[in-house]
Amino acid sequence: MPAVRSNIVPLRHARPGVVAYVKSPAEWFVANSGWIQGTEGVALIDTCGTEQATLELLRDVRKYAGEQELTVVITHAHGEHHNGLGVALRDGGTALAAPGSLDQVKAGPQTYGNVFTYTRWGALEPPAPEAVRPVTGRHELDLGGATVDVVAVPGVAHTAGDLVVHEPRSSTLFTGDLVYIGDTPMAVHGSIPGWLDALDWLQDTFRPRTVVPGHGPVATPAHPAIHAMRGYLEWLLEATVRQSNFTKLAKQASLRWPSWRNPERHIGNLMRAYADQHGRKLDVDLAIDAVLAAAGGRIDLDSLLGSEPARRIS
């Protein structure tokens, strides 16, 4: 696989500057981020999974925003989104996270040794606990000449603690992992019915003109990103009403969504849906083991992620 590319996509050139930082190709531990710049501050939406990739991201942020006050919004507590938070706050700043993610974010980087083999994490450290603040409901972040809405997602969706970020003047919505495009979602840490409710809430609350997903390319209103997510999640529930042959169902999912990367995730998602459907508690470790079995064993990030990210500007 070629090196991961970091594509800087300006979505609004006048201040506030709104930029999507899109990672490709969609792969394990490859996630999008972005930033919104006012006249006095900059909001960074998510960090990266490694020290090197986070430092690369910060260099690009500073090229746009200089040394303005930094606020990092962590959309949820999965390592590819928050591992670099301590790196990002080395020179100061604050972070925002949902209450359901707060403890994990404060605890610092997650490298998932049972899931991945990797040698290039770099020097990752937890953030100072007092620098990470919870967001309940809607928090208006004043960046100077621009305001940004940081909003906690109601209930359990992709995880037990998701945030989204909305820049109202351009109507740009950073969804975190509530939306994937071209990549199989990962649902084992959340709730399928809750995720479906969250997608309704997204559209009813924001009606965005531009969606920056957690994984995959930026979507415009003509793109069926949220509709596609809904169709997949609904299918998971329908498929598990009476069936628990997850291997067979996962093969069906791969045929229905043949272009999505990382199809090994289907089996874990089906196990999540079955548990949700029948009021059972999911054994997350067992679901992860099934995903790894479908992938042929622990996932080698050294071969998947290549060397230092290449950059290009749209």
Protein backbone atom coordinates (compact mmCIF):
# COMPACT_ATOMS: atom_id res chain seq x y z
CA MET A 1 0.00 0.00 0.00
CA PRO A 2 1.31 3.52 -0.79
CA ALA A 3 2.02 6.02 1.96
CA VAL A 4 -1.00 7.69 3.50
CA ARG A 5 -1.71 11.07 1.93
CA SER A 6 -2.87 14.12 3.90
CA ASN A 7 -4.99 16.26 1.62
CA ILE A 8 -5.59 19.86 2.77
CA VAL A 9 -9.05 20.87 1.52
CA PRO A 10 -9.98 24.54 2.14
CA LEU A 11 -13.75 24.75 2.43
CA ARG A 12 -13.97 28.47 3.14
CA HIS A 13 -11.10 30.77 2.16
CA ALA A 14 -12.22 33.94 3.96
CA ARG A 15 -12.12 34.02 7.73
CA PRO A 16 -13.20 31.94 9.39
CA GLY A 17 -11.00 29.60 7.45
CA VAL A 18 -12.54 26.13 7.38
CA VAL A 19 -10.23 23.32 6.33
CA ALA A 20 -10.76 19.57 6.04
CA TYR A 21 -7.62 17.48 6.51
CA VAL A 22 -8.54 14.37 4.59
CA LYS A 23 -6.47 11.21 4.93
CA SER A 24 -6.43 8.66 2.14
CA PRO A 25 -6.74 5.86 1.34
CA ALA A 26 -9.33 4.92 3.94
CA GLU A 27 -7.62 2.32 6.08
CA TRP A 28 -7.23 1.08 9.64
CA PHE A 29 -5.96 3.92 11.84
CA VAL A 30 -6.31 6.49 9.05
CA ALA A 31 -8.79 9.21 10.04
CA ASN A 32 -9.72 12.72 8.97
CA SER A 33 -9.34 15.87 11.01
CA GLY A 34 -9.62 19.58 10.22
CA TRP A 35 -9.58 23.06 11.65
CA ILE A 36 -11.58 26.26 11.83
CA GLN A 37 -9.76 29.59 12.19
CA GLY A 38 -11.05 32.86 13.58
CA THR A 39 -9.09 36.05 14.25
CA GLU A 40 -8.05 35.05 17.77
CA GLY A 41 -8.22 31.27 17.95
CA VAL A 42 -8.26 28.03 16.01
CA ALA A 43 -10.33 24.91 16.67
CA LEU A 44 -8.62 21.68 15.65
CA ILE A 45 -11.04 18.82 15.15
CA ASP A 46 -9.27 15.61 16.19
CA THR A 47 -5.60 14.71 16.11
CA CYS A 48 -3.86 11.68 14.59
CA GLY A 49 -2.90 8.25 15.83
CA THR A 50 0.87 8.77 15.96
CA GLU A 51 3.27 11.48 17.09
CA GLN A 52 4.69 11.99 13.60
CA ALA A 53 1.33 12.37 11.88
CA THR A 54 0.09 14.75 14.61
CA LEU A 55 3.21 16.93 14.33
CA GLU A 56 2.67 17.03 10.56
CA LEU A 57 -0.94 18.10 11.12
CA LEU A 58 0.08 20.80 13.60
CA ARG A 59 2.65 22.22 11.18
CA ASP A 60 -0.08 22.65 8.61
CA VAL A 61 -2.47 24.21 11.13
CA ARG A 62 0.19 26.73 12.16
CA LYS A 63 0.90 27.66 8.54
CA TYR A 64 -2.71 28.79 8.30
CA ALA A 65 -3.38 30.03 11.81
CA GLY A 66 -0.01 31.12 13.20
CA GLU A 67 0.27 30.98 16.98
CA GLN A 68 -3.39 31.59 17.76
CA GLU A 69 -4.91 29.99 20.84
CA LEU A 70 -5.60 26.32 20.17
CA THR A 71 -8.71 24.38 21.16
CA VAL A 72 -8.74 20.71 20.22
CA VAL A 73 -12.15 19.06 19.85
CA ILE A 74 -12.00 15.29 20.20
CA THR A 75 -14.97 13.75 18.42
CA HIS A 76 -14.67 10.42 20.27
CA ALA A 77 -12.23 8.20 22.14
CA HIS A 78 -10.74 6.03 19.42
CA GLY A 79 -6.97 6.20 19.16
CA GLU A 80 -6.67 7.40 15.57
CA HIS A 81 -8.63 10.51 16.61
CA HIS A 82 -7.20 11.33 20.04
CA ASN A 83 -3.79 9.67 20.45
CA GLY A 84 -2.00 12.86 19.47
CA LEU A 85 -3.80 15.12 21.94
CA GLY A 86 -0.89 15.30 24.37
CA VAL A 87 1.38 16.14 21.43
CA ALA A 88 -0.99 18.88 20.24
CA LEU A 89 -1.13 20.48 23.70
CA ARG A 90 2.61 20.43 24.41
CA ASP A 91 2.76 24.20 23.90
CA GLY A 92 -0.56 24.94 25.60
CA GLY A 93 -4.21 24.99 24.70
CA THR A 94 -7.32 23.18 25.83
CA ALA A 95 -9.39 20.24 24.64
CA LEU A 96 -13.09 19.40 24.57
CA ALA A 97 -14.59 15.91 24.73
CA ALA A 98 -17.96 14.33 25.42
CA PRO A 99 -18.49 13.04 28.98
CA GLY A 100 -18.64 9.45 27.72
CA SER A 101 -15.17 9.80 26.20
CA LEU A 102 -13.56 12.00 28.84
CA ASP A 103 -11.85 9.33 30.93
CA GLN A 104 -10.33 7.57 27.93
CA VAL A 105 -9.15 10.83 26.38
CA LYS A 106 -7.52 11.91 29.63
CA ALA A 107 -5.91 8.48 30.04
CA GLY A 108 -3.95 9.06 26.85
CA PRO A 109 -3.07 7.12 23.73
CA GLN A 110 -4.56 3.76 22.83
CA THR A 111 -2.37 1.49 20.73
CA TYR A 112 -4.53 -1.67 20.89
CA GLY A 113 -1.73 -4.19 21.17
CA ASN A 114 -4.18 -7.05 20.77
CA VAL A 115 -5.34 -5.66 17.41
CA PHE A 116 -2.32 -4.05 15.73
CA THR A 117 1.38 -4.58 15.27
CA TYR A 118 3.21 -1.28 14.77
CA THR A 119 6.65 0.19 15.41
CA ARG A 120 6.09 3.89 14.62
CA TRP A 121 3.84 5.28 17.35
CA GLY A 122 6.50 7.84 18.34
CA ALA A 123 6.50 9.66 21.66
CA LEU A 124 2.85 9.86 22.59
CA GLU A 125 1.77 11.13 25.99
CA PRO A 126 -1.55 11.80 27.74
CA PRO A 127 -2.76 15.40 27.95
CA ALA A 128 -2.71 17.27 31.23
CA PRO A 129 -6.03 16.20 32.79
CA GLU A 130 -7.04 19.75 33.64
CA ALA A 131 -6.70 20.75 29.97
CA VAL A 132 -9.54 18.44 28.87
CA ARG A 133 -13.05 19.73 29.51
CA PRO A 134 -16.41 18.02 29.02
CA VAL A 135 -19.08 19.24 26.61
CA THR A 136 -22.70 18.46 27.38
CA GLY A 137 -25.35 19.72 25.02
CA ARG A 138 -24.19 22.58 22.79
CA HIS A 139 -21.05 24.62 23.46
CA GLU A 140 -20.43 27.80 21.45
CA LEU A 141 -16.72 28.28 20.89
CA ASP A 142 -15.70 31.91 20.19
CA LEU A 143 -12.65 32.07 17.92
CA GLY A 144 -12.77 35.81 17.39
CA GLY A 145 -14.97 36.99 14.53
CA ALA A 146 -16.33 33.47 14.24
CA THR A 147 -18.22 31.05 16.41
CA VAL A 148 -18.22 27.29 16.19
CA ASP A 149 -20.82 24.97 17.68
CA VAL A 150 -19.43 21.92 19.46
CA VAL A 151 -22.36 19.62 20.15
CA ALA A 152 -22.62 16.39 22.11
CA VAL A 153 -24.45 13.64 20.27
CA PRO A 154 -27.48 12.45 22.29
CA GLY A 155 -27.18 8.93 23.64
CA VAL A 156 -24.86 6.16 22.51
CA ALA A 157 -24.12 6.15 18.76
CA HIS A 158 -20.72 5.28 17.27
CA THR A 159 -19.44 5.29 20.86
CA ALA A 160 -20.77 6.28 24.27
CA GLY A 161 -19.30 9.76 23.87
CA ASP A 162 -19.45 11.43 20.42
CA LEU A 163 -19.16 15.11 19.51
CA VAL A 164 -19.79 16.92 16.22
CA VAL A 165 -18.53 20.35 15.16
CA HIS A 166 -20.57 22.78 13.06
CA GLU A 167 -19.35 26.00 11.43
CA PRO A 168 -22.64 27.80 10.71
CA ARG A 169 -21.56 30.39 8.11
CA SER A 170 -20.33 27.76 5.66
CA SER A 171 -22.68 25.11 7.12
CA THR A 172 -19.80 22.66 7.40
CA LEU A 173 -20.31 19.70 9.71
CA PHE A 174 -17.43 17.61 11.05
CA THR A 175 -19.18 14.39 12.00
CA GLY A 176 -16.38 12.30 13.45
CA ASP A 177 -17.14 8.63 12.89
CA LEU A 178 -20.91 9.04 12.72
CA VAL A 179 -20.25 9.07 8.97
CA TYR A 180 -17.85 6.89 6.98
CA ILE A 181 -17.53 7.17 3.19
CA GLY A 182 -16.01 4.32 1.19
CA ASP A 183 -14.86 2.50 4.32
CA THR A 184 -16.71 -0.12 6.36
CA PRO A 185 -17.88 1.45 9.64
CA MET A 186 -16.84 0.04 13.01
CA ALA A 187 -19.77 -0.31 15.40
CA VAL A 188 -18.66 -2.63 18.18
CA HIS A 189 -18.24 0.15 20.78
CA GLY A 190 -21.60 1.79 20.20
CA SER A 191 -25.26 1.08 19.47
CA ILE A 192 -26.82 0.47 16.06
CA PRO A 193 -30.26 1.88 17.01
CA GLY A 194 -28.56 4.80 18.75
CA TRP A 195 -26.43 5.46 15.69
CA LEU A 196 -29.51 5.52 13.48
CA ASP A 197 -31.14 8.01 15.87
CA ALA A 198 -27.98 10.12 15.72
CA LEU A 199 -28.10 10.27 11.90
CA ASP A 200 -31.69 11.56 12.07
CA TRP A 201 -30.58 14.09 14.67
CA LEU A 202 -27.67 15.23 12.46
CA GLN A 203 -29.87 15.98 9.49
CA ASP A 204 -32.70 17.55 11.49
CA THR A 205 -30.41 19.71 13.60
CA PHE A 206 -27.81 20.95 11.10
CA ARG A 207 -28.89 20.31 7.49
CA PRO A 208 -25.24 20.73 6.47
CA ARG A 209 -24.05 21.89 3.06
CA THR A 210 -20.71 20.13 3.52
CA VAL A 211 -19.96 17.01 5.56
CA VAL A 212 -16.46 16.09 6.67
CA PRO A 213 -16.67 12.42 7.69
CA GLY A 214 -14.38 10.66 10.11
CA HIS A 215 -13.11 8.49 7.26
CA GLY A 216 -13.35 9.14 3.53
CA PRO A 217 -13.71 12.16 1.22
CA VAL A 218 -15.62 15.38 1.89
CA ALA A 219 -19.30 15.17 0.91
CA THR A 220 -21.55 17.84 -0.58
CA PRO A 221 -25.39 17.86 -0.40
CA ALA A 222 -25.69 15.76 -3.56
CA HIS A 223 -23.61 12.99 -1.99
CA PRO A 224 -25.68 10.22 -0.34
CA ALA A 225 -23.26 9.85 2.58
CA ILE A 226 -25.75 9.88 5.45
CA HIS A 227 -28.32 7.93 3.43
CA ALA A 228 -25.70 5.25 2.70
CA MET A 229 -24.79 5.01 6.38
CA ARG A 230 -28.45 4.66 7.30
CA GLY A 231 -28.98 1.92 4.71
CA TYR A 232 -26.07 -0.10 6.06
CA LEU A 233 -27.07 0.21 9.71
CA GLU A 234 -30.68 -0.67 8.94
CA TRP A 235 -29.51 -3.74 7.03
CA LEU A 236 -27.45 -4.88 10.04
CA LEU A 237 -30.57 -4.86 12.19
CA GLU A 238 -32.76 -6.50 9.56
CA ALA A 239 -30.17 -9.22 8.90
CA THR A 240 -29.90 -10.17 12.57
CA VAL A 241 -33.59 -10.35 13.44
CA ARG A 242 -33.60 -14.14 13.10
CA GLN A 243 -30.06 -15.05 12.06
CA SER A 244 -26.85 -15.40 14.07
CA ASN A 245 -24.61 -17.00 11.45
CA PHE A 246 -22.37 -13.95 11.42
CA THR A 247 -19.82 -15.42 9.01
CA LYS A 248 -22.52 -16.06 6.40
CA LEU A 249 -24.06 -12.62 6.93
CA ALA A 250 -20.66 -10.93 6.70
CA LYS A 251 -20.16 -12.51 3.26
CA GLN A 252 -23.53 -11.10 2.22
CA ALA A 253 -22.47 -7.66 3.44
CA SER A 254 -19.26 -7.81 1.43
CA LEU A 255 -21.31 -8.57 -1.68
CA ARG A 256 -23.76 -5.73 -0.99
CA TRP A 257 -20.99 -3.18 -0.35
CA PRO A 258 -18.15 -4.52 -2.51
CA SER A 259 -16.24 -1.23 -2.84
CA TRP A 260 -15.92 -0.57 0.89
CA ARG A 261 -12.49 -1.09 2.36
CA ASN A 262 -11.89 -3.26 5.43
CA PRO A 263 -14.81 -5.69 5.01
CA GLU A 264 -13.54 -7.72 7.99
CA ARG A 265 -15.40 -5.20 10.17
CA HIS A 266 -18.78 -6.48 8.97
CA ILE A 267 -18.72 -9.48 11.30
CA GLY A 268 -18.14 -7.35 14.40
CA ASN A 269 -20.90 -4.98 13.33
CA LEU A 270 -23.31 -7.89 12.88
CA MET A 271 -22.47 -9.17 16.36
CA ARG A 272 -23.16 -5.66 17.70
CA ALA A 273 -26.48 -5.51 15.85
CA TYR A 274 -27.53 -8.95 17.08
CA ALA A 275 -26.80 -7.96 20.68
CA ASP A 276 -28.71 -4.69 20.29
CA GLN A 277 -31.57 -6.45 18.54
CA HIS A 278 -32.03 -9.09 21.25
CA GLY A 279 -31.26 -7.06 24.36
CA ARG A 280 -27.96 -8.79 25.05
CA LYS A 281 -24.63 -7.44 26.23
CA LEU A 282 -21.98 -7.67 23.52
CA ASP A 283 -18.67 -9.26 24.43
CA VAL A 284 -16.55 -6.61 22.67
CA ASP A 285 -13.35 -8.65 22.96
CA LEU A 286 -15.08 -11.58 21.27
CA ALA A 287 -16.31 -9.30 18.50
CA ILE A 288 -12.81 -7.90 17.96
CA ASP A 289 -11.43 -11.44 17.85
CA ALA A 290 -13.95 -12.26 15.11
CA VAL A 291 -12.89 -9.18 13.13
CA LEU A 292 -9.23 -10.19 13.43
CA ALA A 293 -10.02 -13.76 12.39
CA ALA A 294 -11.75 -12.38 9.28
CA ALA A 295 -8.68 -10.19 8.63
CA GLY A 296 -6.31 -13.15 8.95
CA GLY A 297 -4.80 -12.12 12.28
CA ARG A 298 -3.46 -8.98 13.93
CA ILE A 299 -3.30 -6.03 11.55
CA ASP A 300 0.18 -4.91 10.49
CA LEU A 301 0.08 -1.12 10.47
CA ASP A 302 3.70 -0.84 9.36
CA SER A 303 2.78 -2.32 5.99
CA LEU A 304 -0.59 -0.56 5.75
CA LEU A 305 0.42 2.97 6.66
CA GLY A 306 3.72 3.22 4.82
CA SER A 307 6.18 5.96 5.67
CA GLU A 308 5.72 9.61 6.67
CA PRO A 309 2.49 11.05 5.24
CA ALA A 310 2.79 12.84 1.92
CA ARG A 311 0.90 16.14 1.63
CA ARG A 312 -1.01 17.87 -1.11
CA ILE A 313 -3.37 20.86 -1.19
CA SER A 314 -6.68 20.89 -3.08
